[in-house]
PDB file of N, CA and C in Angstrom:
ATOM      1  N   UNK A   1      -2.250  49.384  22.192  1.00  0.00           N
ATOM      2  CA  UNK A   1      -2.663  47.754  21.652  1.00  0.00           C
ATOM      3  C   UNK A   1      -1.254  47.236  22.059  1.00  0.00           C
ATOM      4  N   UNK A   2      -1.385  45.879  22.864  1.00  0.00           N
ATOM      5  CA  UNK A   2      -0.383  45.146  23.485  1.00  0.00           C
ATOM      6  C   UNK A   2      -0.017  44.236  22.054  1.00  0.00           C
ATOM      7  N   UNK A   3       1.236  44.668  21.844  1.00  0.00           N
ATOM      8  CA  UNK A   3       1.514  43.213  20.464  1.00  0.00           C
ATOM      9  C   UNK A   3       1.802  42.125  20.904  1.00  0.00           C
ATOM     10  N   UNK A   4       1.838  41.829  22.456  1.00  0.00           N
ATOM     11  CA  UNK A   4       2.405  40.308  22.595  1.00  0.00           C
ATOM     12  C   UNK A   4       1.027  39.519  22.378  1.00  0.00           C
ATOM     13  N   UNK A   5       0.121  39.771  22.898  1.00  0.00           N
ATOM     14  CA  UNK A   5      -0.771  39.108  23.282  1.00  0.00           C
ATOM     15  C   UNK A   5      -1.956  39.029  21.813  1.00  0.00           C
ATOM     16  N   UNK A   6      -1.422  40.045  20.952  1.00  0.00           N
ATOM     17  CA  UNK A   6      -2.031  39.738  19.579  1.00  0.00           C
ATOM     18  C   UNK A   6      -0.785  38.799  18.965  1.00  0.00           C
ATOM     19  N   UNK A   7      -0.272  38.859  18.942  1.00  0.00           N
ATOM     20  CA  UNK A   7       0.594  38.339  17.655  1.00  0.00           C
ATOM     21  C   UNK A   7       1.570  36.560  18.493  1.00  0.00           C
ATOM     22  N   UNK A   8       2.260  37.187  19.529  1.00  0.00           N
ATOM     23  CA  UNK A   8       3.205  36.731  20.298  1.00  0.00           C
ATOM     24  C   UNK A   8       2.144  35.324  20.506  1.00  0.00           C
ATOM     25  N   UNK A   9       1.247  35.959  21.737  1.00  0.00           N
ATOM     26  CA  UNK A   9       0.350  35.302  22.169  1.00  0.00           C
ATOM     27  C   UNK A   9      -0.257  34.268  21.483  1.00  0.00           C
ATOM     28  N   UNK A  10      -0.790  33.928  20.579  1.00  0.00           N
ATOM     29  CA  UNK A  10      -1.263  32.915  19.635  1.00  0.00           C
ATOM     30  C   UNK A  10      -0.586  32.586  18.688  1.00  0.00           C
ATOM     31  N   UNK A  11       0.952  33.062  18.572  1.00  0.00           N
ATOM     32  CA  UNK A  11       1.746  31.627  18.076  1.00  0.00           C
ATOM     33  C   UNK A  11       2.182  31.087  18.782  1.00  0.00           C
ATOM     34  N   UNK A  12       2.704  31.742  20.283  1.00  0.00           N
ATOM     35  CA  UNK A  12       2.958  30.561  21.369  1.00  0.00           C
ATOM     36  C   UNK A  12       2.027  29.366  21.554  1.00  0.00           C
ATOM     37  N   UNK A  13       0.779  29.301  21.642  1.00  0.00           N
ATOM     38  CA  UNK A  13      -0.168  29.066  21.858  1.00  0.00           C
ATOM     39  C   UNK A  13      -0.527  27.810  20.630  1.00  0.00           C
ATOM     40  N   UNK A  14      -0.786  28.163  19.777  1.00  0.00           N
ATOM     41  CA  UNK A  14      -0.514  27.346  18.466  1.00  0.00           C
ATOM     42  C   UNK A  14       0.351  26.464  18.278  1.00  0.00           C
ATOM     43  N   UNK A  15       1.919  26.781  18.312  1.00  0.00           N
ATOM     44  CA  UNK A  15       2.637  25.819  17.972  1.00  0.00           C
ATOM     45  C   UNK A  15       3.132  24.943  19.302  1.00  0.00           C
ATOM     46  N   UNK A  16       2.238  25.609  20.314  1.00  0.00           N
ATOM     47  CA  UNK A  16       2.726  24.720  22.136  1.00  0.00           C
ATOM     48  C   UNK A  16       1.643  23.731  22.050  1.00  0.00           C
ATOM     49  N   UNK A  17       0.497  24.557  21.698  1.00  0.00           N
ATOM     50  CA  UNK A  17      -0.682  23.103  21.584  1.00  0.00           C
ATOM     51  C   UNK A  17      -0.790  22.261  20.742  1.00  0.00           C
ATOM     52  N   UNK A  18      -0.113  22.482  19.337  1.00  0.00           N
ATOM     53  CA  UNK A  18       0.534  21.674  18.481  1.00  0.00           C
ATOM     54  C   UNK A  18       1.052  20.346  18.910  1.00  0.00           C
ATOM     55  N   UNK A  19       2.465  20.781  19.392  1.00  0.00           N
ATOM     56  CA  UNK A  19       3.351  19.968  20.049  1.00  0.00           C
ATOM     57  C   UNK A  19       2.961  19.168  21.156  1.00  0.00           C
ATOM     58  N   UNK A  20       1.662  19.608  21.842  1.00  0.00           N
ATOM     59  CA  UNK A  20       1.509  18.937  22.917  1.00  0.00           C
ATOM     60  C   UNK A  20       0.569  17.467  22.071  1.00  0.00           C
ATOM     61  N   UNK A  21       0.136  17.729  20.659  1.00  0.00           N
ATOM     62  CA  UNK A  21      -0.602  16.524  20.043  1.00  0.00           C
ATOM     63  C   UNK A  21       0.599  15.842  19.103  1.00  0.00           C
ATOM     64  N   UNK A  22       1.290  16.701  18.492  1.00  0.00           N
ATOM     65  CA  UNK A  22       2.233  16.263  17.247  1.00  0.00           C
ATOM     66  C   UNK A  22       3.403  15.055  17.866  1.00  0.00           C
ATOM     67  N   UNK A  23       3.859  15.880  18.980  1.00  0.00           N
ATOM     68  CA  UNK A  23       5.672  14.687  19.241  1.00  0.00           C
ATOM     69  C   UNK A  23       5.133  13.525  20.187  1.00  0.00           C
ATOM     70  N   UNK A  24       3.505  13.247  20.896  1.00  0.00           N
ATOM     71  CA  UNK A  24       3.263  12.492  21.445  1.00  0.00           C
ATOM     72  C   UNK A  24       2.787  11.515  19.925  1.00  0.00           C
ATOM     73  N   UNK A  25       2.124  11.546  19.382  1.00  0.00           N
ATOM     74  CA  UNK A  25       1.608  11.193  18.254  1.00  0.00           C
ATOM     75  C   UNK A  25       2.824  10.801  17.858  1.00  0.00           C
ATOM     76  N   UNK A  26       3.694  11.746  17.497  1.00  0.00           N
ATOM     77  CA  UNK A  26       5.241  10.829  16.557  1.00  0.00           C
ATOM     78  C   UNK A  26       5.683   9.803  17.819  1.00  0.00           C
ATOM     79  N   UNK A  27       5.399  10.163  19.001  1.00  0.00           N
ATOM     80  CA  UNK A  27       5.744   8.968  19.912  1.00  0.00           C
ATOM     81  C   UNK A  27       5.196   7.613  20.065  1.00  0.00           C
ATOM     82  N   UNK A  28       3.768   7.955  19.625  1.00  0.00           N
ATOM     83  CA  UNK A  28       3.217   6.613  19.627  1.00  0.00           C
ATOM     84  C   UNK A  28       2.782   5.613  18.510  1.00  0.00           C
ATOM     85  N   UNK A  29       3.514   6.561  17.400  1.00  0.00           N
ATOM     86  CA  UNK A  29       3.856   5.638  16.119  1.00  0.00           C
ATOM     87  C   UNK A  29       5.073   5.307  15.979  1.00  0.00           C
ATOM     88  N   UNK A  30       5.894   5.408  16.693  1.00  0.00           N
ATOM     89  CA  UNK A  30       7.545   4.703  16.898  1.00  0.00           C
ATOM     90  C   UNK A  30       7.279   3.539  17.568  1.00  0.00           C
ATOM     91  N   UNK A  31       6.643   3.677  18.860  1.00  0.00           N
ATOM     92  CA  UNK A  31       6.427   2.884  20.008  1.00  0.00           C
ATOM     93  C   UNK A  31       5.583   1.857  19.442  1.00  0.00           C
ATOM     94  N   UNK A  32       4.432   1.923  18.625  1.00  0.00           N
ATOM     95  CA  UNK A  32       3.853   0.762  18.516  1.00  0.00           C
ATOM     96  C   UNK A  32       4.198  -0.002  17.116  1.00  0.00           C
ATOM     97  N   UNK A  33       5.786   0.095  16.430  1.00  0.00           N
ATOM     98  CA  UNK A  33       6.059   0.131  15.272  1.00  0.00           C
ATOM     99  C   UNK A  33       5.448   0.334  14.151  1.00  0.00           C
ATOM    100  N   UNK A  34       4.634   1.049  14.579  1.00  0.00           N
ATOM    101  CA  UNK A  34       4.177   1.764  12.885  1.00  0.00           C
ATOM    102  C   UNK A  34       5.072   2.345  11.840  1.00  0.00           C
ATOM    103  N   UNK A  35       5.741   3.162  12.508  1.00  0.00           N
ATOM    104  CA  UNK A  35       7.063   3.717  11.805  1.00  0.00           C
ATOM    105  C   UNK A  35       8.352   3.129  12.420  1.00  0.00           C
ATOM    106  N   UNK A  36       8.934   2.505  11.327  1.00  0.00           N
ATOM    107  CA  UNK A  36       9.996   1.436  11.903  1.00  0.00           C
ATOM    108  C   UNK A  36      11.102   2.534  11.270  1.00  0.00           C
ATOM    109  N   UNK A  37      12.174   3.190  11.897  1.00  0.00           N
ATOM    110  CA  UNK A  37      13.115   4.178  11.413  1.00  0.00           C
ATOM    111  C   UNK A  37      14.418   2.983  10.463  1.00  0.00           C
ATOM    112  N   UNK A  38      13.831   1.940  11.277  1.00  0.00           N
ATOM    113  CA  UNK A  38      15.087   1.096  10.052  1.00  0.00           C
ATOM    114  C   UNK A  38      14.971   1.177   8.956  1.00  0.00           C
ATOM    115  N   UNK A  39      13.735   1.328   8.674  1.00  0.00           N
ATOM    116  CA  UNK A  39      13.481   1.405   6.844  1.00  0.00           C
ATOM    117  C   UNK A  39      13.570   2.888   6.329  1.00  0.00           C
ATOM    118  N   UNK A  40      14.389   3.143   5.295  1.00  0.00           N
ATOM    119  CA  UNK A  40      14.588   4.262   4.683  1.00  0.00           C
ATOM    120  C   UNK A  40      13.285   5.137   4.502  1.00  0.00           C
ATOM    121  N   UNK A  41      12.360   4.463   4.124  1.00  0.00           N
ATOM    122  CA  UNK A  41      11.181   5.689   3.372  1.00  0.00           C
ATOM    123  C   UNK A  41      10.720   5.609   4.929  1.00  0.00           C
ATOM    124  N   UNK A  42      10.895   5.337   5.953  1.00  0.00           N
ATOM    125  CA  UNK A  42      10.059   5.749   7.303  1.00  0.00           C
ATOM    126  C   UNK A  42      10.784   6.646   8.075  1.00  0.00           C
ATOM    127  N   UNK A  43      12.396   6.416   7.182  1.00  0.00           N
ATOM    128  CA  UNK A  43      12.725   7.297   8.024  1.00  0.00           C
ATOM    129  C   UNK A  43      13.228   9.016   7.300  1.00  0.00           C
ATOM    130  N   UNK A  44      12.351   8.670   5.970  1.00  0.00           N
ATOM    131  CA  UNK A  44      12.478   9.764   4.846  1.00  0.00           C
ATOM    132  C   UNK A  44      11.123  10.668   5.962  1.00  0.00           C
ATOM    133  N   UNK A  45      10.017   9.834   5.697  1.00  0.00           N
ATOM    134  CA  UNK A  45       9.014  10.466   6.566  1.00  0.00           C
ATOM    135  C   UNK A  45       9.065  11.298   7.903  1.00  0.00           C
ATOM    136  N   UNK A  46       9.449  10.316   8.748  1.00  0.00           N
ATOM    137  CA  UNK A  46       9.758  11.869   9.696  1.00  0.00           C
ATOM    138  C   UNK A  46      10.456  12.458   9.853  1.00  0.00           C
ATOM    139  N   UNK A  47      11.670  12.650   9.033  1.00  0.00           N
ATOM    140  CA  UNK A  47      12.652  14.070   8.564  1.00  0.00           C
ATOM    141  C   UNK A  47      11.187  14.892   8.500  1.00  0.00           C
ATOM    142  N   UNK A  48      10.716  14.223   7.316  1.00  0.00           N
ATOM    143  CA  UNK A  48       9.693  15.383   6.888  1.00  0.00           C
ATOM    144  C   UNK A  48       8.811  15.940   7.358  1.00  0.00           C
ATOM    145  N   UNK A  49       8.628  14.859   8.441  1.00  0.00           N
ATOM    146  CA  UNK A  49       7.020  15.542   9.301  1.00  0.00           C
ATOM    147  C   UNK A  49       7.750  16.655  10.282  1.00  0.00           C
ATOM    148  N   UNK A  50       9.130  16.257  10.758  1.00  0.00           N
ATOM    149  CA  UNK A  50       9.876  17.586  11.860  1.00  0.00           C
ATOM    150  C   UNK A  50      10.189  18.489  11.254  1.00  0.00           C
ATOM    151  N   UNK A  51      10.430  18.337   9.804  1.00  0.00           N
ATOM    152  CA  UNK A  51      10.930  19.063   8.840  1.00  0.00           C
ATOM    153  C   UNK A  51      10.038  20.785   8.747  1.00  0.00           C
ATOM    154  N   UNK A  52       8.569  19.672   8.334  1.00  0.00           N
ATOM    155  CA  UNK A  52       7.342  20.406   8.260  1.00  0.00           C
ATOM    156  C   UNK A  52       7.251  21.437   9.302  1.00  0.00           C
ATOM    157  N   UNK A  53       7.107  20.901  10.834  1.00  0.00           N
ATOM    158  CA  UNK A  53       6.743  21.651  11.770  1.00  0.00           C
ATOM    159  C   UNK A  53       7.511  22.474  11.869  1.00  0.00           C
ATOM    160  N   UNK A  54       8.686  22.310  12.469  1.00  0.00           N
ATOM    161  CA  UNK A  54       9.787  23.135  12.060  1.00  0.00           C
ATOM    162  C   UNK A  54       9.447  24.657  11.287  1.00  0.00           C
ATOM    163  N   UNK A  55       9.612  24.083   9.510  1.00  0.00           N
ATOM    164  CA  UNK A  55       9.639  25.039   8.795  1.00  0.00           C
ATOM    165  C   UNK A  55       8.412  26.288   8.808  1.00  0.00           C
ATOM    166  N   UNK A  56       7.015  25.580   8.918  1.00  0.00           N
ATOM    167  CA  UNK A  56       5.922  26.346   9.534  1.00  0.00           C
ATOM    168  C   UNK A  56       6.239  27.089  10.611  1.00  0.00           C
ATOM    169  N   UNK A  57       6.610  26.730  11.534  1.00  0.00           N
ATOM    170  CA  UNK A  57       6.563  27.398  12.847  1.00  0.00           C
ATOM    171  C   UNK A  57       7.223  28.602  12.522  1.00  0.00           C
ATOM    172  N   UNK A  58       8.746  28.413  12.260  1.00  0.00           N
ATOM    173  CA  UNK A  58       9.668  29.648  11.597  1.00  0.00           C
ATOM    174  C   UNK A  58       9.442  30.506  10.800  1.00  0.00           C
ATOM    175  N   UNK A  59       8.572  30.066   9.734  1.00  0.00           N
ATOM    176  CA  UNK A  59       7.639  30.868   8.714  1.00  0.00           C
ATOM    177  C   UNK A  59       6.759  32.003   9.066  1.00  0.00           C
ATOM    178  N   UNK A  60       6.190  31.459  10.120  1.00  0.00           N
ATOM    179  CA  UNK A  60       5.205  31.818  11.095  1.00  0.00           C
ATOM    180  C   UNK A  60       5.702  33.121  11.723  1.00  0.00           C
ATOM    181  N   UNK A  61       6.748  32.683  12.288  1.00  0.00           N
ATOM    182  CA  UNK A  61       7.575  33.520  13.436  1.00  0.00           C
ATOM    183  C   UNK A  61       8.432  34.593  12.788  1.00  0.00           C
ATOM    184  N   UNK A  62       8.981  34.351  11.223  1.00  0.00           N
ATOM    185  CA  UNK A  62       9.658  34.624  10.543  1.00  0.00           C
ATOM    186  C   UNK A  62       8.722  36.544   9.841  1.00  0.00           C
ATOM    187  N   UNK A  63       7.395  35.558   9.642  1.00  0.00           N
ATOM    188  CA  UNK A  63       6.043  36.896   9.324  1.00  0.00           C
ATOM    189  C   UNK A  63       5.604  37.708   9.841  1.00  0.00           C
ATOM    190  N   UNK A  64       5.218  37.463  11.358  1.00  0.00           N
ATOM    191  CA  UNK A  64       5.161  37.686  12.166  1.00  0.00           C
ATOM    192  C   UNK A  64       5.914  38.872  13.072  1.00  0.00           C
ATOM    193  N   UNK A  65       7.204  38.849  12.683  1.00  0.00           N
ATOM    194  CA  UNK A  65       8.046  39.709  12.875  1.00  0.00           C
ATOM    195  C   UNK A  65       8.444  40.959  12.101  1.00  0.00           C
ATOM    196  N   UNK A  66       8.432  40.427  10.785  1.00  0.00           N
ATOM    197  CA  UNK A  66       8.145  41.573   9.726  1.00  0.00           C
ATOM    198  C   UNK A  66       7.237  42.566   9.742  1.00  0.00           C
ATOM    199  N   UNK A  67       6.212  41.497  10.353  1.00  0.00           N
ATOM    200  CA  UNK A  67       4.361  42.572   9.858  1.00  0.00           C
ATOM    201  C   UNK A  67       4.452  43.677  11.207  1.00  0.00           C
ATOM    202  N   UNK A  68       5.124  43.164  12.337  1.00  0.00           N
ATOM    203  CA  UNK A  68       5.180  44.391  13.562  1.00  0.00           C
ATOM    204  C   UNK A  68       6.461  45.542  13.358  1.00  0.00           C
ATOM    205  N   UNK A  69       6.738  45.241  12.441  1.00  0.00           N
ATOM    206  CA  UNK A  69       8.476  45.989  12.276  1.00  0.00           C
ATOM    207  C   UNK A  69       8.048  47.255  11.246  1.00  0.00           C
TER     208      UNK A  69
END
């Protein structure tokens, strides 16, 4: 059984394709002024969104690593 195609390839696909929609979406809401980075509440939500993306990607990667050991 090839571990890369059964474990890591779906991981890279999930977060790679997710990034293709997530980050342009963040760019779009900042360019249309829907998210004003001068407001503290908006900065807080931007940090929450970015942290959430990185958090779930890291957690998923750690769990895959532990499962493969």
